[in-house]
Amino acid sequence: MIDRMRKMRYYRQVPLALLTGAVTGAFVLGIAGRMATAVIALITGHAPNLSLSGGLEAVVVGTLVGAVGGIPLLAVRSVHSRSKLVRGTTVGGMLFICSGLGASIFGKITLGVSSVQLVMLGIVAIMFIVYGICADTLLTRFACAAVERDGPDKRENPG
C-alpha cells in the first residue's frame, strides 16, 4: 500500500513538473533568451531586429522546451535527492545538448570559428543551466506546498 501511495504521489507530480518547466522555460529560455540575443546584437554593432512575432516565437519555443525539460527534471530529482545545484545543472546540460543536437540535425545552426558564435553558445549553455536550477527550485516549492496541503495524515498514514 505504501508503494502504491508513492507511485500516486509521483504521478501527481508529472503535471506539476510540466507546468513548472513550461513557466520557467517561458521566462528564462524565452524572454531572457530574446533579451540576450538583442544585447549581443547591440554589442557587436548589428541591429537587434526586435519584433512582436519574434518575441512570441521565442516565448513559445522556450515554453515548449521548458515543458519537455520538466520530465527529465522529475527523473533527476528521484536520483539526486539532495543538491538542487547538481539536479538543475544536470537537467540544463541535458536540455542544452539535446537542443544543440536537434538544431544541428535539422540544419538550423552552422558553427564556424566566429568568436561571437562561441560567446553566444556559452550564454545559451548558461541560460539552460539557470533554467534547470530555477525549475528545480520552483518544483521543490510547489511539491512542498502540496505535501503541507495534504497534511501529515495522508503523508505518513497510508491508511
C-alpha atoms as a PDB file:
ATOM      1  CA  MET A   1       0.000   0.000   0.000  1.00  0.00           C
ATOM      2  CA  ILE A   2       2.855   2.372   0.790  1.00  0.00           C
ATOM      3  CA  ASP A   3       4.451   1.661  -2.604  1.00  0.00           C
ATOM      4  CA  ARG A   4       1.151   2.484  -4.292  1.00  0.00           C
ATOM      5  CA  MET A   5       0.944   5.800  -2.449  1.00  0.00           C
ATOM      6  CA  ARG A   6       4.475   6.700  -3.542  1.00  0.00           C
ATOM      7  CA  LYS A   7       3.613   5.940  -7.161  1.00  0.00           C
ATOM      8  CA  MET A   8       0.459   8.024  -6.942  1.00  0.00           C
ATOM      9  CA  ARG A   9       2.399  10.932  -5.453  1.00  0.00           C
ATOM     10  CA  TYR A  10       4.993  10.602  -8.230  1.00  0.00           C
ATOM     11  CA  TYR A  11       2.313  10.563 -10.933  1.00  0.00           C
ATOM     12  CA  ARG A  12       0.642  13.605  -9.399  1.00  0.00           C
ATOM     13  CA  GLN A  13       3.943  15.453  -9.747  1.00  0.00           C
ATOM     14  CA  VAL A  14       4.150  14.899 -13.542  1.00  0.00           C
ATOM     15  CA  PRO A  15       1.647  17.663 -14.474  1.00  0.00           C
ATOM     16  CA  LEU A  16       3.276  19.903 -11.881  1.00  0.00           C
ATOM     17  CA  ALA A  17       6.710  19.252 -13.427  1.00  0.00           C
ATOM     18  CA  LEU A  18       5.374  20.017 -16.916  1.00  0.00           C
ATOM     19  CA  LEU A  19       3.761  23.254 -15.750  1.00  0.00           C
ATOM     20  CA  THR A  20       6.802  24.331 -13.742  1.00  0.00           C
ATOM     21  CA  GLY A  21       9.104  23.582 -16.671  1.00  0.00           C
ATOM     22  CA  ALA A  22       6.856  25.471 -19.089  1.00  0.00           C
ATOM     23  CA  VAL A  23       6.614  28.583 -16.910  1.00  0.00           C
ATOM     24  CA  THR A  24      10.321  28.632 -16.152  1.00  0.00           C
ATOM     25  CA  GLY A  25      11.151  27.969 -19.817  1.00  0.00           C
ATOM     26  CA  ALA A  26       8.952  30.847 -20.952  1.00  0.00           C
ATOM     27  CA  PHE A  27      10.744  33.286 -18.666  1.00  0.00           C
ATOM     28  CA  VAL A  28      14.334  32.020 -18.695  1.00  0.00           C
ATOM     29  CA  LEU A  29      14.678  30.467 -22.148  1.00  0.00           C
ATOM     30  CA  GLY A  30      12.111  32.622 -23.953  1.00  0.00           C
ATOM     31  CA  ILE A  31      12.121  36.179 -22.642  1.00  0.00           C
ATOM     32  CA  ALA A  32      15.642  36.234 -21.186  1.00  0.00           C
ATOM     33  CA  GLY A  33      16.952  34.417 -24.265  1.00  0.00           C
ATOM     34  CA  ARG A  34      15.464  37.004 -26.584  1.00  0.00           C
ATOM     35  CA  MET A  35      16.891  39.801 -24.447  1.00  0.00           C
ATOM     36  CA  ALA A  36      20.336  38.159 -24.512  1.00  0.00           C
ATOM     37  CA  THR A  37      20.322  37.911 -28.303  1.00  0.00           C
ATOM     38  CA  ALA A  38      19.315  41.566 -28.571  1.00  0.00           C
ATOM     39  CA  VAL A  39      22.115  42.621 -26.211  1.00  0.00           C
ATOM     40  CA  ILE A  40      24.693  40.567 -28.131  1.00  0.00           C
ATOM     41  CA  ALA A  41      23.466  42.115 -31.390  1.00  0.00           C
ATOM     42  CA  LEU A  42      23.818  45.616 -29.950  1.00  0.00           C
ATOM     43  CA  ILE A  43      27.284  44.892 -28.562  1.00  0.00           C
ATOM     44  CA  THR A  44      28.506  43.571 -31.910  1.00  0.00           C
ATOM     45  CA  GLY A  45      27.056  46.544 -33.793  1.00  0.00           C
ATOM     46  CA  HIS A  46      24.169  44.769 -35.528  1.00  0.00           C
ATOM     47  CA  ALA A  47      20.523  45.744 -35.425  1.00  0.00           C
ATOM     48  CA  PRO A  48      18.724  43.789 -32.681  1.00  0.00           C
ATOM     49  CA  ASN A  49      15.794  43.008 -35.011  1.00  0.00           C
ATOM     50  CA  LEU A  50      13.167  43.002 -32.282  1.00  0.00           C
ATOM     51  CA  SER A  51       9.591  42.280 -33.315  1.00  0.00           C
ATOM     52  CA  LEU A  52       6.445  41.066 -31.633  1.00  0.00           C
ATOM     53  CA  SER A  53       6.337  37.882 -33.690  1.00  0.00           C
ATOM     54  CA  GLY A  54       9.995  37.121 -32.934  1.00  0.00           C
ATOM     55  CA  GLY A  55       9.455  37.693 -29.220  1.00  0.00           C
ATOM     56  CA  LEU A  56       6.356  35.500 -29.190  1.00  0.00           C
ATOM     57  CA  GLU A  57       8.190  32.796 -31.101  1.00  0.00           C
ATOM     58  CA  ALA A  58      10.990  32.834 -28.524  1.00  0.00           C
ATOM     59  CA  VAL A  59       8.478  32.587 -25.667  1.00  0.00           C
ATOM     60  CA  VAL A  60       6.574  29.715 -27.325  1.00  0.00           C
ATOM     61  CA  VAL A  61       9.752  27.764 -28.070  1.00  0.00           C
ATOM     62  CA  GLY A  62      11.050  28.435 -24.551  1.00  0.00           C
ATOM     63  CA  THR A  63       7.744  27.233 -23.118  1.00  0.00           C
ATOM     64  CA  LEU A  64       7.774  24.031 -25.167  1.00  0.00           C
ATOM     65  CA  VAL A  65      11.412  23.229 -24.415  1.00  0.00           C
ATOM     66  CA  GLY A  66      10.800  24.038 -20.753  1.00  0.00           C
ATOM     67  CA  ALA A  67       7.769  21.761 -20.563  1.00  0.00           C
ATOM     68  CA  VAL A  68       9.761  18.930 -22.123  1.00  0.00           C
ATOM     69  CA  GLY A  69      12.510  19.632 -19.589  1.00  0.00           C
ATOM     70  CA  GLY A  70      10.089  19.101 -16.719  1.00  0.00           C
ATOM     71  CA  ILE A  71      10.041  15.332 -17.287  1.00  0.00           C
ATOM     72  CA  PRO A  72      13.819  14.763 -17.010  1.00  0.00           C
ATOM     73  CA  LEU A  73      13.778  17.125 -14.044  1.00  0.00           C
ATOM     74  CA  LEU A  74      11.343  14.834 -12.256  1.00  0.00           C
ATOM     75  CA  ALA A  75      13.504  11.807 -13.097  1.00  0.00           C
ATOM     76  CA  VAL A  76      16.717  13.501 -11.957  1.00  0.00           C
ATOM     77  CA  ARG A  77      15.007  14.567  -8.717  1.00  0.00           C
ATOM     78  CA  SER A  78      14.369  10.924  -7.883  1.00  0.00           C
ATOM     79  CA  VAL A  79      18.068  10.083  -8.401  1.00  0.00           C
ATOM     80  CA  HIS A  80      19.748  13.171  -6.878  1.00  0.00           C
ATOM     81  CA  SER A  81      17.634  13.942  -3.862  1.00  0.00           C
ATOM     82  CA  ARG A  82      19.930  16.364  -2.078  1.00  0.00           C
ATOM     83  CA  SER A  83      21.600  19.033  -4.210  1.00  0.00           C
ATOM     84  CA  LYS A  84      19.468  21.463  -6.216  1.00  0.00           C
ATOM     85  CA  LEU A  85      22.558  22.728  -7.981  1.00  0.00           C
ATOM     86  CA  VAL A  86      23.501  19.252  -9.240  1.00  0.00           C
ATOM     87  CA  ARG A  87      19.935  18.490 -10.317  1.00  0.00           C
ATOM     88  CA  GLY A  88      19.467  21.801 -12.106  1.00  0.00           C
ATOM     89  CA  THR A  89      22.844  21.665 -13.816  1.00  0.00           C
ATOM     90  CA  THR A  90      22.228  18.084 -14.953  1.00  0.00           C
ATOM     91  CA  VAL A  91      18.820  18.881 -16.440  1.00  0.00           C
ATOM     92  CA  GLY A  92      20.013  22.127 -18.012  1.00  0.00           C
ATOM     93  CA  GLY A  93      23.031  20.399 -19.539  1.00  0.00           C
ATOM     94  CA  MET A  94      20.873  17.565 -20.886  1.00  0.00           C
ATOM     95  CA  LEU A  95      18.451  20.020 -22.490  1.00  0.00           C
ATOM     96  CA  PHE A  96      21.281  22.083 -23.944  1.00  0.00           C
ATOM     97  CA  ILE A  97      22.893  19.032 -25.534  1.00  0.00           C
ATOM     98  CA  CYS A  98      19.562  17.737 -26.868  1.00  0.00           C
ATOM     99  CA  SER A  99      18.606  21.143 -28.249  1.00  0.00           C
ATOM    100  CA  GLY A 100      22.015  21.544 -29.868  1.00  0.00           C
ATOM    101  CA  LEU A 101      21.832  18.096 -31.423  1.00  0.00           C
ATOM    102  CA  GLY A 102      18.304  18.741 -32.674  1.00  0.00           C
ATOM    103  CA  ALA A 103      19.266  22.087 -34.170  1.00  0.00           C
ATOM    104  CA  SER A 104      22.351  20.662 -35.864  1.00  0.00           C
ATOM    105  CA  ILE A 105      20.475  17.642 -37.241  1.00  0.00           C
ATOM    106  CA  PHE A 106      17.774  19.831 -38.758  1.00  0.00           C
ATOM    107  CA  GLY A 107      20.369  22.266 -40.115  1.00  0.00           C
ATOM    108  CA  LYS A 108      19.272  25.293 -38.089  1.00  0.00           C
ATOM    109  CA  ILE A 109      22.773  26.142 -36.901  1.00  0.00           C
ATOM    110  CA  THR A 110      26.163  26.070 -38.506  1.00  0.00           C
ATOM    111  CA  LEU A 111      29.105  26.561 -36.227  1.00  0.00           C
ATOM    112  CA  GLY A 112      32.093  28.381 -37.559  1.00  0.00           C
ATOM    113  CA  VAL A 113      35.076  29.789 -35.771  1.00  0.00           C
ATOM    114  CA  SER A 114      33.474  33.143 -35.025  1.00  0.00           C
ATOM    115  CA  SER A 115      34.102  34.351 -31.507  1.00  0.00           C
ATOM    116  CA  VAL A 116      30.608  35.858 -31.367  1.00  0.00           C
ATOM    117  CA  GLN A 117      29.104  32.422 -32.059  1.00  0.00           C
ATOM    118  CA  LEU A 118      31.177  30.859 -29.298  1.00  0.00           C
ATOM    119  CA  VAL A 119      30.162  33.575 -26.836  1.00  0.00           C
ATOM    120  CA  MET A 120      26.511  33.156 -27.769  1.00  0.00           C
ATOM    121  CA  LEU A 121      26.788  29.384 -27.398  1.00  0.00           C
ATOM    122  CA  GLY A 122      28.269  29.863 -23.934  1.00  0.00           C
ATOM    123  CA  ILE A 123      25.456  32.238 -22.973  1.00  0.00           C
ATOM    124  CA  VAL A 124      22.859  29.736 -24.188  1.00  0.00           C
ATOM    125  CA  ALA A 125      24.523  26.966 -22.159  1.00  0.00           C
ATOM    126  CA  ILE A 126      24.456  29.162 -19.052  1.00  0.00           C
ATOM    127  CA  MET A 127      20.793  30.004 -19.675  1.00  0.00           C
ATOM    128  CA  PHE A 128      19.880  26.308 -19.890  1.00  0.00           C
ATOM    129  CA  ILE A 129      21.684  25.662 -16.599  1.00  0.00           C
ATOM    130  CA  VAL A 130      19.909  28.621 -14.994  1.00  0.00           C
ATOM    131  CA  TYR A 131      16.635  27.191 -16.342  1.00  0.00           C
ATOM    132  CA  GLY A 132      17.365  23.840 -14.692  1.00  0.00           C
ATOM    133  CA  ILE A 133      18.189  25.386 -11.332  1.00  0.00           C
ATOM    134  CA  CYS A 134      15.163  27.729 -11.381  1.00  0.00           C
ATOM    135  CA  ALA A 135      12.784  24.966 -12.494  1.00  0.00           C
ATOM    136  CA  ASP A 136      14.055  22.644  -9.770  1.00  0.00           C
ATOM    137  CA  THR A 137      13.687  25.344  -7.122  1.00  0.00           C
ATOM    138  CA  LEU A 138      10.149  26.149  -8.256  1.00  0.00           C
ATOM    139  CA  LEU A 139       9.177  22.474  -8.422  1.00  0.00           C
ATOM    140  CA  THR A 140      10.555  21.928  -4.911  1.00  0.00           C
ATOM    141  CA  ARG A 141       8.459  24.799  -3.566  1.00  0.00           C
ATOM    142  CA  PHE A 142       5.304  23.546  -5.270  1.00  0.00           C
ATOM    143  CA  ALA A 143       5.923  19.967  -4.117  1.00  0.00           C
ATOM    144  CA  CYS A 144       6.493  21.107  -0.520  1.00  0.00           C
ATOM    145  CA  ALA A 145       3.306  23.175  -0.640  1.00  0.00           C
ATOM    146  CA  ALA A 146       1.380  20.128  -1.891  1.00  0.00           C
ATOM    147  CA  VAL A 147       2.760  17.972   0.938  1.00  0.00           C
ATOM    148  CA  GLU A 148       1.824  20.615   3.516  1.00  0.00           C
ATOM    149  CA  ARG A 149      -1.625  20.922   1.970  1.00  0.00           C
ATOM    150  CA  ASP A 150      -2.194  17.158   2.120  1.00  0.00           C
ATOM    151  CA  GLY A 151      -1.353  17.139   5.796  1.00  0.00           C
ATOM    152  CA  PRO A 152       0.604  14.641   7.891  1.00  0.00           C
ATOM    153  CA  ASP A 153      -2.192  12.067   7.974  1.00  0.00           C
ATOM    154  CA  LYS A 154      -2.185  11.458   4.220  1.00  0.00           C
ATOM    155  CA  ARG A 155       1.595  11.647   4.059  1.00  0.00           C
ATOM    156  CA  GLU A 156       2.504   9.275   6.904  1.00  0.00           C
ATOM    157  CA  ASN A 157      -0.503   7.015   7.276  1.00  0.00           C
ATOM    158  CA  PRO A 158      -1.344   5.195   4.027  1.00  0.00           C
ATOM    159  CA  GLY A 159      -4.482   4.059   5.667  1.00  0.00           C
END
